[in-house]
């Protein structure tokens, strides 16, 4: 019996109303010790959720992200291979990518979306 491949969930492109400037982390520093970033790229058709992400241990709660950016392969342009420690600019503020979550299609090995946790 063969397993029939199903399409992944779809996202209404009308929900992807946000954009941001992406400055890829190069891993290099300038002569003053400041981190260098690649030239900015405008990433469009994303969803930005400004809810904080918290991590709690026995003694305290710590904010691990100030926002989450949702990028969907079928709509986000360009859909990049984002890097942690890269800088993003959105709504006039700068953030750093702390965590990248890659989500694949349920029935095959295709990247469906990426979530960027930024602080």
PDB file of N, CA and C in Angstrom:
ATOM      1  N   UNK A   1       0.841  -1.167   0.000  1.00  0.00           N
ATOM      2  CA  UNK A   1       0.000   0.000   0.000  1.00  0.00           C
ATOM      3  C   UNK A   1       0.899   1.246   0.000  1.00  0.00           C
ATOM      4  N   UNK A   2       0.701   2.138  -0.933  1.00  0.00           N
ATOM      5  CA  UNK A   2       1.527   3.352  -0.999  1.00  0.00           C
ATOM      6  C   UNK A   2       0.836   4.492  -0.254  1.00  0.00           C
ATOM      7  N   UNK A   3       1.645   5.303   0.328  1.00  0.00           N
ATOM      8  CA  UNK A   3       1.124   6.466   1.049  1.00  0.00           C
ATOM      9  C   UNK A   3       0.952   7.625   0.075  1.00  0.00           C
ATOM     10  N   UNK A   4      -0.221   8.169   0.026  1.00  0.00           N
ATOM     11  CA  UNK A   4      -0.516   9.293  -0.859  1.00  0.00           C
ATOM     12  C   UNK A   4       0.047  10.577  -0.255  1.00  0.00           C
ATOM     13  N   UNK A   5       0.756  11.356  -1.053  1.00  0.00           N
ATOM     14  CA  UNK A   5       1.295  12.623  -0.573  1.00  0.00           C
ATOM     15  C   UNK A   5       0.191  13.668  -0.558  1.00  0.00           C
ATOM     16  N   UNK A   6       0.125  14.402   0.533  1.00  0.00           N
ATOM     17  CA  UNK A   6      -0.858  15.460   0.675  1.00  0.00           C
ATOM     18  C   UNK A   6      -0.141  16.804   0.707  1.00  0.00           C
ATOM     19  N   UNK A   7      -0.821  17.808   0.266  1.00  0.00           N
ATOM     20  CA  UNK A   7      -0.261  19.158   0.330  1.00  0.00           C
ATOM     21  C   UNK A   7      -0.257  19.623   1.779  1.00  0.00           C
ATOM     22  N   UNK A   8       0.739  20.396   2.126  1.00  0.00           N
ATOM     23  CA  UNK A   8       0.811  20.951   3.478  1.00  0.00           C
ATOM     24  C   UNK A   8      -0.280  21.994   3.660  1.00  0.00           C
ATOM     25  N   UNK A   9      -0.437  22.411   4.871  1.00  0.00           N
ATOM     26  CA  UNK A   9      -1.372  23.492   5.136  1.00  0.00           C
ATOM     27  C   UNK A   9      -0.963  24.712   4.334  1.00  0.00           C
ATOM     28  N   UNK A  10      -1.932  25.486   3.942  1.00  0.00           N
ATOM     29  CA  UNK A  10      -1.626  26.697   3.193  1.00  0.00           C
ATOM     30  C   UNK A  10      -1.834  27.910   4.088  1.00  0.00           C
ATOM     31  N   UNK A  11      -1.214  28.981   3.718  1.00  0.00           N
ATOM     32  CA  UNK A  11      -1.334  30.240   4.448  1.00  0.00           C
ATOM     33  C   UNK A  11      -1.937  31.260   3.501  1.00  0.00           C
ATOM     34  N   UNK A  12      -2.929  31.959   3.975  1.00  0.00           N
ATOM     35  CA  UNK A  12      -3.524  33.027   3.174  1.00  0.00           C
ATOM     36  C   UNK A  12      -2.495  34.143   3.031  1.00  0.00           C
ATOM     37  N   UNK A  13      -2.085  34.479   1.818  1.00  0.00           N
ATOM     38  CA  UNK A  13      -1.065  35.519   1.648  1.00  0.00           C
ATOM     39  C   UNK A  13      -1.488  36.876   2.201  1.00  0.00           C
ATOM     40  N   UNK A  14      -2.780  37.094   2.393  1.00  0.00           N
ATOM     41  CA  UNK A  14      -3.250  38.348   2.993  1.00  0.00           C
ATOM     42  C   UNK A  14      -2.828  38.493   4.455  1.00  0.00           C
ATOM     43  N   UNK A  15      -2.428  37.390   5.091  1.00  0.00           N
ATOM     44  CA  UNK A  15      -1.956  37.436   6.471  1.00  0.00           C
ATOM     45  C   UNK A  15      -0.501  37.904   6.544  1.00  0.00           C
ATOM     46  N   UNK A  16       0.222  37.813   5.438  1.00  0.00           N
ATOM     47  CA  UNK A  16       1.655  38.113   5.419  1.00  0.00           C
ATOM     48  C   UNK A  16       1.865  39.568   5.005  1.00  0.00           C
ATOM     49  N   UNK A  17       1.551  40.472   5.907  1.00  0.00           N
ATOM     50  CA  UNK A  17       1.503  41.898   5.601  1.00  0.00           C
ATOM     51  C   UNK A  17       2.766  42.657   6.001  1.00  0.00           C
ATOM     52  N   UNK A  18       3.731  41.979   6.602  1.00  0.00           N
ATOM     53  CA  UNK A  18       4.904  42.657   7.133  1.00  0.00           C
ATOM     54  C   UNK A  18       6.137  42.426   6.262  1.00  0.00           C
ATOM     55  N   UNK A  19       7.160  43.227   6.529  1.00  0.00           N
ATOM     56  CA  UNK A  19       8.457  43.067   5.876  1.00  0.00           C
ATOM     57  C   UNK A  19       9.537  43.531   6.844  1.00  0.00           C
ATOM     58  N   UNK A  20      10.787  43.188   6.545  1.00  0.00           N
ATOM     59  CA  UNK A  20      11.900  43.622   7.387  1.00  0.00           C
ATOM     60  C   UNK A  20      13.176  43.662   6.555  1.00  0.00           C
ATOM     61  N   UNK A  21      14.178  44.357   7.093  1.00  0.00           N
ATOM     62  CA  UNK A  21      15.503  44.409   6.469  1.00  0.00           C
ATOM     63  C   UNK A  21      16.372  43.363   7.160  1.00  0.00           C
ATOM     64  N   UNK A  22      17.000  42.517   6.365  1.00  0.00           N
ATOM     65  CA  UNK A  22      17.849  41.446   6.881  1.00  0.00           C
ATOM     66  C   UNK A  22      19.302  41.780   6.586  1.00  0.00           C
ATOM     67  N   UNK A  23      20.132  41.799   7.627  1.00  0.00           N
ATOM     68  CA  UNK A  23      21.572  42.047   7.509  1.00  0.00           C
ATOM     69  C   UNK A  23      22.272  40.774   7.973  1.00  0.00           C
ATOM     70  N   UNK A  24      22.761  39.979   7.042  1.00  0.00           N
ATOM     71  CA  UNK A  24      23.349  38.689   7.402  1.00  0.00           C
ATOM     72  C   UNK A  24      24.641  38.849   8.188  1.00  0.00           C
ATOM     73  N   UNK A  25      24.781  38.079   9.249  1.00  0.00           N
ATOM     74  CA  UNK A  25      25.971  38.041  10.088  1.00  0.00           C
ATOM     75  C   UNK A  25      27.109  37.418   9.287  1.00  0.00           C
ATOM     76  N   UNK A  26      28.246  38.113   9.228  1.00  0.00           N
ATOM     77  CA  UNK A  26      29.384  37.613   8.436  1.00  0.00           C
ATOM     78  C   UNK A  26      30.408  36.868   9.277  1.00  0.00           C
ATOM     79  N   UNK A  27      30.351  37.047  10.597  1.00  0.00           N
ATOM     80  CA  UNK A  27      31.346  36.425  11.467  1.00  0.00           C
ATOM     81  C   UNK A  27      32.636  37.216  11.538  1.00  0.00           C
ATOM     82  N   UNK A  28      32.680  38.368  10.900  1.00  0.00           N
ATOM     83  CA  UNK A  28      33.880  39.200  10.882  1.00  0.00           C
ATOM     84  C   UNK A  28      33.668  40.449  11.730  1.00  0.00           C
ATOM     85  N   UNK A  29      34.798  41.097  12.098  1.00  0.00           N
ATOM     86  CA  UNK A  29      34.738  42.354  12.835  1.00  0.00           C
ATOM     87  C   UNK A  29      35.584  43.384  12.102  1.00  0.00           C
ATOM     88  N   UNK A  30      35.185  44.652  12.248  1.00  0.00           N
ATOM     89  CA  UNK A  30      35.963  45.723  11.627  1.00  0.00           C
ATOM     90  C   UNK A  30      37.169  46.060  12.515  1.00  0.00           C
ATOM     91  N   UNK A  31      37.937  47.073  12.144  1.00  0.00           N
ATOM     92  CA  UNK A  31      39.158  47.423  12.879  1.00  0.00           C
ATOM     93  C   UNK A  31      38.869  47.915  14.297  1.00  0.00           C
ATOM     94  N   UNK A  32      37.635  48.298  14.584  1.00  0.00           N
ATOM     95  CA  UNK A  32      37.256  48.757  15.922  1.00  0.00           C
ATOM     96  C   UNK A  32      36.597  47.653  16.747  1.00  0.00           C
ATOM     97  N   UNK A  33      36.549  46.435  16.200  1.00  0.00           N
ATOM     98  CA  UNK A  33      35.958  45.309  16.916  1.00  0.00           C
ATOM     99  C   UNK A  33      34.453  45.195  16.801  1.00  0.00           C
ATOM    100  N   UNK A  34      33.863  46.013  15.940  1.00  0.00           N
ATOM    101  CA  UNK A  34      32.411  45.985  15.748  1.00  0.00           C
ATOM    102  C   UNK A  34      32.056  44.887  14.739  1.00  0.00           C
ATOM    103  N   UNK A  35      30.969  44.146  15.023  1.00  0.00           N
ATOM    104  CA  UNK A  35      30.532  43.050  14.152  1.00  0.00           C
ATOM    105  C   UNK A  35      30.159  43.604  12.777  1.00  0.00           C
ATOM    106  N   UNK A  36      30.572  42.885  11.723  1.00  0.00           N
ATOM    107  CA  UNK A  36      30.234  43.282  10.351  1.00  0.00           C
ATOM    108  C   UNK A  36      29.034  42.459   9.864  1.00  0.00           C
ATOM    109  N   UNK A  37      28.198  43.135   9.085  1.00  0.00           N
ATOM    110  CA  UNK A  37      27.038  42.488   8.482  1.00  0.00           C
ATOM    111  C   UNK A  37      27.074  42.724   6.978  1.00  0.00           C
ATOM    112  N   UNK A  38      26.471  41.805   6.226  1.00  0.00           N
ATOM    113  CA  UNK A  38      26.347  41.971   4.778  1.00  0.00           C
ATOM    114  C   UNK A  38      25.366  43.097   4.478  1.00  0.00           C
ATOM    115  N   UNK A  39      25.349  43.534   3.237  1.00  0.00           N
ATOM    116  CA  UNK A  39      24.405  44.569   2.814  1.00  0.00           C
ATOM    117  C   UNK A  39      22.977  44.096   3.063  1.00  0.00           C
ATOM    118  N   UNK A  40      22.085  45.019   3.407  1.00  0.00           N
ATOM    119  CA  UNK A  40      20.712  44.622   3.752  1.00  0.00           C
ATOM    120  C   UNK A  40      19.910  44.102   2.561  1.00  0.00           C
ATOM    121  N   UNK A  41      19.010  43.180   2.876  1.00  0.00           N
ATOM    122  CA  UNK A  41      18.070  42.626   1.907  1.00  0.00           C
ATOM    123  C   UNK A  41      16.678  42.826   2.488  1.00  0.00           C
ATOM    124  N   UNK A  42      15.760  43.361   1.703  1.00  0.00           N
ATOM    125  CA  UNK A  42      14.382  43.518   2.164  1.00  0.00           C
ATOM    126  C   UNK A  42      13.638  42.203   1.963  1.00  0.00           C
ATOM    127  N   UNK A  43      13.090  41.677   3.050  1.00  0.00           N
ATOM    128  CA  UNK A  43      12.323  40.433   3.014  1.00  0.00           C
ATOM    129  C   UNK A  43      10.861  40.818   3.186  1.00  0.00           C
ATOM    130  N   UNK A  44      10.036  40.411   2.217  1.00  0.00           N
ATOM    131  CA  UNK A  44       8.617  40.791   2.189  1.00  0.00           C
ATOM    132  C   UNK A  44       7.713  39.568   2.384  1.00  0.00           C
ATOM    133  N   UNK A  45       6.463  39.881   2.668  1.00  0.00           N
ATOM    134  CA  UNK A  45       5.421  38.852   2.822  1.00  0.00           C
ATOM    135  C   UNK A  45       5.733  37.898   3.978  1.00  0.00           C
ATOM    136  N   UNK A  46       5.917  38.504   5.161  1.00  0.00           N
ATOM    137  CA  UNK A  46       6.119  37.751   6.391  1.00  0.00           C
ATOM    138  C   UNK A  46       5.068  38.200   7.400  1.00  0.00           C
ATOM    139  N   UNK A  47       5.007  37.490   8.513  1.00  0.00           N
ATOM    140  CA  UNK A  47       4.126  37.871   9.612  1.00  0.00           C
ATOM    141  C   UNK A  47       5.002  38.087  10.833  1.00  0.00           C
ATOM    142  N   UNK A  48       4.881  39.246  11.470  1.00  0.00           N
ATOM    143  CA  UNK A  48       5.658  39.544  12.669  1.00  0.00           C
ATOM    144  C   UNK A  48       4.719  39.549  13.865  1.00  0.00           C
ATOM    145  N   UNK A  49       5.054  38.734  14.846  1.00  0.00           N
ATOM    146  CA  UNK A  49       4.296  38.657  16.092  1.00  0.00           C
ATOM    147  C   UNK A  49       5.179  39.244  17.188  1.00  0.00           C
ATOM    148  N   UNK A  50       4.762  40.374  17.754  1.00  0.00           N
ATOM    149  CA  UNK A  50       5.562  41.055  18.769  1.00  0.00           C
ATOM    150  C   UNK A  50       5.360  40.524  20.183  1.00  0.00           C
ATOM    151  N   UNK A  51       4.794  39.368  20.336  1.00  0.00           N
ATOM    152  CA  UNK A  51       4.659  38.751  21.658  1.00  0.00           C
ATOM    153  C   UNK A  51       6.024  38.261  22.133  1.00  0.00           C
ATOM    154  N   UNK A  52       6.290  38.443  23.411  1.00  0.00           N
ATOM    155  CA  UNK A  52       7.561  37.986  23.978  1.00  0.00           C
ATOM    156  C   UNK A  52       7.535  36.478  24.186  1.00  0.00           C
ATOM    157  N   UNK A  53       8.707  35.851  24.034  1.00  0.00           N
ATOM    158  CA  UNK A  53       8.879  34.430  24.309  1.00  0.00           C
ATOM    159  C   UNK A  53       9.669  34.333  25.605  1.00  0.00           C
ATOM    160  N   UNK A  54       9.143  33.583  26.559  1.00  0.00           N
ATOM    161  CA  UNK A  54       9.756  33.456  27.878  1.00  0.00           C
ATOM    162  C   UNK A  54      10.299  32.055  28.104  1.00  0.00           C
ATOM    163  N   UNK A  55      11.361  31.969  28.902  1.00  0.00           N
ATOM    164  CA  UNK A  55      11.894  30.682  29.350  1.00  0.00           C
ATOM    165  C   UNK A  55      11.972  30.769  30.863  1.00  0.00           C
ATOM    166  N   UNK A  56      11.425  29.777  31.519  1.00  0.00           N
ATOM    167  CA  UNK A  56      11.376  29.807  32.985  1.00  0.00           C
ATOM    168  C   UNK A  56      12.175  28.635  33.543  1.00  0.00           C
ATOM    169  N   UNK A  57      12.966  28.951  34.586  1.00  0.00           N
ATOM    170  CA  UNK A  57      13.613  27.880  35.342  1.00  0.00           C
ATOM    171  C   UNK A  57      13.112  27.954  36.783  1.00  0.00           C
ATOM    172  N   UNK A  58      13.783  27.312  37.719  1.00  0.00           N
ATOM    173  CA  UNK A  58      13.288  27.267  39.100  1.00  0.00           C
ATOM    174  C   UNK A  58      13.277  28.626  39.784  1.00  0.00           C
ATOM    175  N   UNK A  59      14.163  29.525  39.379  1.00  0.00           N
ATOM    176  CA  UNK A  59      14.296  30.775  40.109  1.00  0.00           C
ATOM    177  C   UNK A  59      13.843  32.026  39.361  1.00  0.00           C
ATOM    178  N   UNK A  60      13.768  31.965  38.031  1.00  0.00           N
ATOM    179  CA  UNK A  60      13.430  33.185  37.305  1.00  0.00           C
ATOM    180  C   UNK A  60      12.826  32.897  35.935  1.00  0.00           C
ATOM    181  N   UNK A  61      12.251  33.938  35.372  1.00  0.00           N
ATOM    182  CA  UNK A  61      11.745  33.889  33.999  1.00  0.00           C
ATOM    183  C   UNK A  61      12.576  34.873  33.179  1.00  0.00           C
ATOM    184  N   UNK A  62      13.006  34.433  32.007  1.00  0.00           N
ATOM    185  CA  UNK A  62      13.872  35.243  31.161  1.00  0.00           C
ATOM    186  C   UNK A  62      13.236  35.378  29.783  1.00  0.00           C
ATOM    187  N   UNK A  63      13.269  36.587  29.233  1.00  0.00           N
ATOM    188  CA  UNK A  63      12.782  36.806  27.876  1.00  0.00           C
ATOM    189  C   UNK A  63      13.833  36.266  26.912  1.00  0.00           C
ATOM    190  N   UNK A  64      13.429  35.336  26.048  1.00  0.00           N
ATOM    191  CA  UNK A  64      14.363  34.789  25.054  1.00  0.00           C
ATOM    192  C   UNK A  64      14.118  35.365  23.669  1.00  0.00           C
ATOM    193  N   UNK A  65      12.983  36.056  23.478  1.00  0.00           N
ATOM    194  CA  UNK A  65      12.705  36.722  22.199  1.00  0.00           C
ATOM    195  C   UNK A  65      11.674  37.818  22.427  1.00  0.00           C
ATOM    196  N   UNK A  66      11.846  38.930  21.715  1.00  0.00           N
ATOM    197  CA  UNK A  66      10.888  40.028  21.780  1.00  0.00           C
ATOM    198  C   UNK A  66       9.853  39.947  20.669  1.00  0.00           C
ATOM    199  N   UNK A  67      10.143  39.124  19.659  1.00  0.00           N
ATOM    200  CA  UNK A  67       9.217  38.958  18.537  1.00  0.00           C
ATOM    201  C   UNK A  67       9.567  37.670  17.799  1.00  0.00           C
ATOM    202  N   UNK A  68       8.597  37.183  17.038  1.00  0.00           N
ATOM    203  CA  UNK A  68       8.805  36.029  16.168  1.00  0.00           C
ATOM    204  C   UNK A  68       8.383  36.439  14.764  1.00  0.00           C
ATOM    205  N   UNK A  69       9.262  36.159  13.798  1.00  0.00           N
ATOM    206  CA  UNK A  69       8.972  36.449  12.392  1.00  0.00           C
ATOM    207  C   UNK A  69       8.657  35.129  11.707  1.00  0.00           C
ATOM    208  N   UNK A  70       7.495  35.050  11.058  1.00  0.00           N
ATOM    209  CA  UNK A  70       7.080  33.849  10.354  1.00  0.00           C
ATOM    210  C   UNK A  70       7.308  34.043   8.854  1.00  0.00           C
ATOM    211  N   UNK A  71       8.146  33.190   8.264  1.00  0.00           N
ATOM    212  CA  UNK A  71       8.451  33.227   6.834  1.00  0.00           C
ATOM    213  C   UNK A  71       7.919  31.937   6.212  1.00  0.00           C
ATOM    214  N   UNK A  72       7.144  32.063   5.143  1.00  0.00           N
ATOM    215  CA  UNK A  72       6.519  30.913   4.489  1.00  0.00           C
ATOM    216  C   UNK A  72       7.128  30.749   3.102  1.00  0.00           C
ATOM    217  N   UNK A  73       7.661  29.573   2.817  1.00  0.00           N
ATOM    218  CA  UNK A  73       8.409  29.343   1.580  1.00  0.00           C
ATOM    219  C   UNK A  73       7.635  29.723   0.328  1.00  0.00           C
ATOM    220  N   UNK A  74       6.341  29.478   0.310  1.00  0.00           N
ATOM    221  CA  UNK A  74       5.553  29.729  -0.895  1.00  0.00           C
ATOM    222  C   UNK A  74       5.235  31.203  -1.125  1.00  0.00           C
ATOM    223  N   UNK A  75       5.442  32.061  -0.122  1.00  0.00           N
ATOM    224  CA  UNK A  75       5.053  33.464  -0.264  1.00  0.00           C
ATOM    225  C   UNK A  75       6.149  34.477   0.085  1.00  0.00           C
ATOM    226  N   UNK A  76       7.004  34.161   1.044  1.00  0.00           N
ATOM    227  CA  UNK A  76       8.027  35.103   1.494  1.00  0.00           C
ATOM    228  C   UNK A  76       9.081  35.274   0.407  1.00  0.00           C
ATOM    229  N   UNK A  77       9.414  36.535   0.097  1.00  0.00           N
ATOM    230  CA  UNK A  77      10.418  36.814  -0.931  1.00  0.00           C
ATOM    231  C   UNK A  77      11.437  37.825  -0.428  1.00  0.00           C
ATOM    232  N   UNK A  78      12.706  37.549  -0.559  1.00  0.00           N
ATOM    233  CA  UNK A  78      13.237  36.224  -0.874  1.00  0.00           C
ATOM    234  C   UNK A  78      13.160  35.311   0.353  1.00  0.00           C
ATOM    235  N   UNK A  79      13.033  34.020   0.121  1.00  0.00           N
ATOM    236  CA  UNK A  79      13.008  33.030   1.193  1.00  0.00           C
ATOM    237  C   UNK A  79      14.446  32.566   1.369  1.00  0.00           C
ATOM    238  N   UNK A  80      15.122  33.083   2.387  1.00  0.00           N
ATOM    239  CA  UNK A  80      16.565  32.909   2.552  1.00  0.00           C
ATOM    240  C   UNK A  80      16.917  31.814   3.548  1.00  0.00           C
ATOM    241  N   UNK A  81      18.193  31.431   3.525  1.00  0.00           N
ATOM    242  CA  UNK A  81      18.749  30.546   4.538  1.00  0.00           C
ATOM    243  C   UNK A  81      19.298  31.453   5.644  1.00  0.00           C
ATOM    244  N   UNK A  82      18.422  31.884   6.543  1.00  0.00           N
ATOM    245  CA  UNK A  82      18.765  32.858   7.565  1.00  0.00           C
ATOM    246  C   UNK A  82      19.812  32.298   8.523  1.00  0.00           C
ATOM    247  N   UNK A  83      20.610  33.203   9.127  1.00  0.00           N
ATOM    248  CA  UNK A  83      21.659  32.812  10.065  1.00  0.00           C
ATOM    249  C   UNK A  83      21.407  33.445  11.427  1.00  0.00           C
ATOM    250  N   UNK A  84      21.671  32.658  12.480  1.00  0.00           N
ATOM    251  CA  UNK A  84      21.622  33.212  13.828  1.00  0.00           C
ATOM    252  C   UNK A  84      22.683  34.299  13.946  1.00  0.00           C
ATOM    253  N   UNK A  85      22.461  35.248  14.829  1.00  0.00           N
ATOM    254  CA  UNK A  85      23.295  36.414  15.085  1.00  0.00           C
ATOM    255  C   UNK A  85      23.187  37.482  14.003  1.00  0.00           C
ATOM    256  N   UNK A  86      22.388  37.227  12.972  1.00  0.00           N
ATOM    257  CA  UNK A  86      22.157  38.248  11.956  1.00  0.00           C
ATOM    258  C   UNK A  86      21.245  39.317  12.535  1.00  0.00           C
ATOM    259  N   UNK A  87      21.296  40.500  11.945  1.00  0.00           N
ATOM    260  CA  UNK A  87      20.510  41.634  12.414  1.00  0.00           C
ATOM    261  C   UNK A  87      19.294  41.813  11.516  1.00  0.00           C
ATOM    262  N   UNK A  88      18.158  42.154  12.122  1.00  0.00           N
ATOM    263  CA  UNK A  88      16.965  42.519  11.359  1.00  0.00           C
ATOM    264  C   UNK A  88      16.499  43.884  11.839  1.00  0.00           C
ATOM    265  N   UNK A  89      15.973  44.671  10.913  1.00  0.00           N
ATOM    266  CA  UNK A  89      15.384  45.966  11.239  1.00  0.00           C
ATOM    267  C   UNK A  89      13.922  45.918  10.860  1.00  0.00           C
ATOM    268  N   UNK A  90      13.062  46.251  11.834  1.00  0.00           N
ATOM    269  CA  UNK A  90      11.630  46.293  11.567  1.00  0.00           C
ATOM    270  C   UNK A  90      11.002  47.352  12.446  1.00  0.00           C
ATOM    271  N   UNK A  91      10.111  48.097  11.848  1.00  0.00           N
ATOM    272  CA  UNK A  91       9.416  49.180  12.545  1.00  0.00           C
ATOM    273  C   UNK A  91      10.379  50.129  13.248  1.00  0.00           C
ATOM    274  N   UNK A  92      11.504  50.411  12.603  1.00  0.00           N
ATOM    275  CA  UNK A  92      12.456  51.380  13.126  1.00  0.00           C
ATOM    276  C   UNK A  92      13.352  50.888  14.247  1.00  0.00           C
ATOM    277  N   UNK A  93      13.313  49.604  14.572  1.00  0.00           N
ATOM    278  CA  UNK A  93      14.142  49.045  15.640  1.00  0.00           C
ATOM    279  C   UNK A  93      15.006  47.910  15.100  1.00  0.00           C
ATOM    280  N   UNK A  94      16.168  47.712  15.741  1.00  0.00           N
ATOM    281  CA  UNK A  94      17.068  46.620  15.370  1.00  0.00           C
ATOM    282  C   UNK A  94      16.923  45.472  16.350  1.00  0.00           C
ATOM    283  N   UNK A  95      16.971  44.262  15.813  1.00  0.00           N
ATOM    284  CA  UNK A  95      16.905  43.044  16.605  1.00  0.00           C
ATOM    285  C   UNK A  95      17.972  42.086  16.098  1.00  0.00           C
ATOM    286  N   UNK A  96      18.311  41.102  16.911  1.00  0.00           N
ATOM    287  CA  UNK A  96      19.264  40.062  16.525  1.00  0.00           C
ATOM    288  C   UNK A  96      18.538  38.719  16.544  1.00  0.00           C
ATOM    289  N   UNK A  97      18.775  37.909  15.513  1.00  0.00           N
ATOM    290  CA  UNK A  97      18.171  36.577  15.445  1.00  0.00           C
ATOM    291  C   UNK A  97      18.842  35.680  16.473  1.00  0.00           C
ATOM    292  N   UNK A  98      18.049  35.176  17.420  1.00  0.00           N
ATOM    293  CA  UNK A  98      18.549  34.302  18.478  1.00  0.00           C
ATOM    294  C   UNK A  98      18.323  32.823  18.174  1.00  0.00           C
ATOM    295  N   UNK A  99      17.215  32.535  17.485  1.00  0.00           N
ATOM    296  CA  UNK A  99      16.857  31.130  17.245  1.00  0.00           C
ATOM    297  C   UNK A  99      16.127  31.030  15.917  1.00  0.00           C
ATOM    298  N   UNK A 100      16.424  29.962  15.179  1.00  0.00           N
ATOM    299  CA  UNK A 100      15.782  29.703  13.896  1.00  0.00           C
ATOM    300  C   UNK A 100      15.103  28.334  13.974  1.00  0.00           C
ATOM    301  N   UNK A 101      13.808  28.310  13.677  1.00  0.00           N
ATOM    302  CA  UNK A 101      13.047  27.059  13.690  1.00  0.00           C
ATOM    303  C   UNK A 101      12.600  26.774  12.266  1.00  0.00           C
ATOM    304  N   UNK A 102      13.063  25.657  11.715  1.00  0.00           N
ATOM    305  CA  UNK A 102      12.704  25.272  10.352  1.00  0.00           C
ATOM    306  C   UNK A 102      11.619  24.206  10.405  1.00  0.00           C
ATOM    307  N   UNK A 103      10.557  24.419   9.655  1.00  0.00           N
ATOM    308  CA  UNK A 103       9.418  23.495   9.610  1.00  0.00           C
ATOM    309  C   UNK A 103       9.309  22.894   8.217  1.00  0.00           C
ATOM    310  N   UNK A 104       9.240  21.571   8.158  1.00  0.00           N
ATOM    311  CA  UNK A 104       9.148  20.882   6.871  1.00  0.00           C
ATOM    312  C   UNK A 104       7.726  20.415   6.600  1.00  0.00           C
ATOM    313  N   UNK A 105       7.461  20.156   5.328  1.00  0.00           N
ATOM    314  CA  UNK A 105       6.166  19.606   4.916  1.00  0.00           C
ATOM    315  C   UNK A 105       5.976  18.260   5.609  1.00  0.00           C
ATOM    316  N   UNK A 106       4.735  17.893   5.938  1.00  0.00           N
ATOM    317  CA  UNK A 106       4.521  16.661   6.696  1.00  0.00           C
ATOM    318  C   UNK A 106       4.826  15.364   5.939  1.00  0.00           C
ATOM    319  N   UNK A 107       4.700  15.358   4.625  1.00  0.00           N
ATOM    320  CA  UNK A 107       4.848  14.092   3.910  1.00  0.00           C
ATOM    321  C   UNK A 107       6.068  14.007   3.008  1.00  0.00           C
ATOM    322  N   UNK A 108       6.894  15.062   2.992  1.00  0.00           N
ATOM    323  CA  UNK A 108       8.136  14.977   2.239  1.00  0.00           C
ATOM    324  C   UNK A 108       9.137  15.980   2.788  1.00  0.00           C
ATOM    325  N   UNK A 109      10.360  15.846   2.381  1.00  0.00           N
ATOM    326  CA  UNK A 109      11.473  16.607   2.938  1.00  0.00           C
ATOM    327  C   UNK A 109      11.628  17.964   2.249  1.00  0.00           C
ATOM    328  N   UNK A 110      10.597  18.795   2.347  1.00  0.00           N
ATOM    329  CA  UNK A 110      10.605  20.118   1.738  1.00  0.00           C
ATOM    330  C   UNK A 110      10.381  21.151   2.830  1.00  0.00           C
ATOM    331  N   UNK A 111      11.218  22.168   2.848  1.00  0.00           N
ATOM    332  CA  UNK A 111      11.078  23.233   3.836  1.00  0.00           C
ATOM    333  C   UNK A 111       9.800  24.016   3.557  1.00  0.00           C
ATOM    334  N   UNK A 112       8.933  24.127   4.558  1.00  0.00           N
ATOM    335  CA  UNK A 112       7.646  24.801   4.409  1.00  0.00           C
ATOM    336  C   UNK A 112       7.675  26.217   4.981  1.00  0.00           C
ATOM    337  N   UNK A 113       8.305  26.373   6.154  1.00  0.00           N
ATOM    338  CA  UNK A 113       8.363  27.700   6.775  1.00  0.00           C
ATOM    339  C   UNK A 113       9.554  27.787   7.714  1.00  0.00           C
ATOM    340  N   UNK A 114       9.864  29.036   8.076  1.00  0.00           N
ATOM    341  CA  UNK A 114      10.933  29.310   9.045  1.00  0.00           C
ATOM    342  C   UNK A 114      10.385  30.325  10.050  1.00  0.00           C
ATOM    343  N   UNK A 115      10.671  30.082  11.311  1.00  0.00           N
ATOM    344  CA  UNK A 115      10.330  31.028  12.370  1.00  0.00           C
ATOM    345  C   UNK A 115      11.632  31.610  12.909  1.00  0.00           C
ATOM    346  N   UNK A 116      11.711  32.934  12.963  1.00  0.00           N
ATOM    347  CA  UNK A 116      12.894  33.610  13.482  1.00  0.00           C
ATOM    348  C   UNK A 116      12.550  34.246  14.821  1.00  0.00           C
ATOM    349  N   UNK A 117      13.188  33.811  15.898  1.00  0.00           N
ATOM    350  CA  UNK A 117      12.998  34.439  17.192  1.00  0.00           C
ATOM    351  C   UNK A 117      14.069  35.503  17.334  1.00  0.00           C
ATOM    352  N   UNK A 118      13.641  36.747  17.571  1.00  0.00           N
ATOM    353  CA  UNK A 118      14.578  37.872  17.623  1.00  0.00           C
ATOM    354  C   UNK A 118      14.488  38.584  18.962  1.00  0.00           C
ATOM    355  N   UNK A 119      15.628  39.147  19.364  1.00  0.00           N
ATOM    356  CA  UNK A 119      15.672  39.906  20.625  1.00  0.00           C
ATOM    357  C   UNK A 119      16.438  41.194  20.398  1.00  0.00           C
TER     358      UNK A 119
END
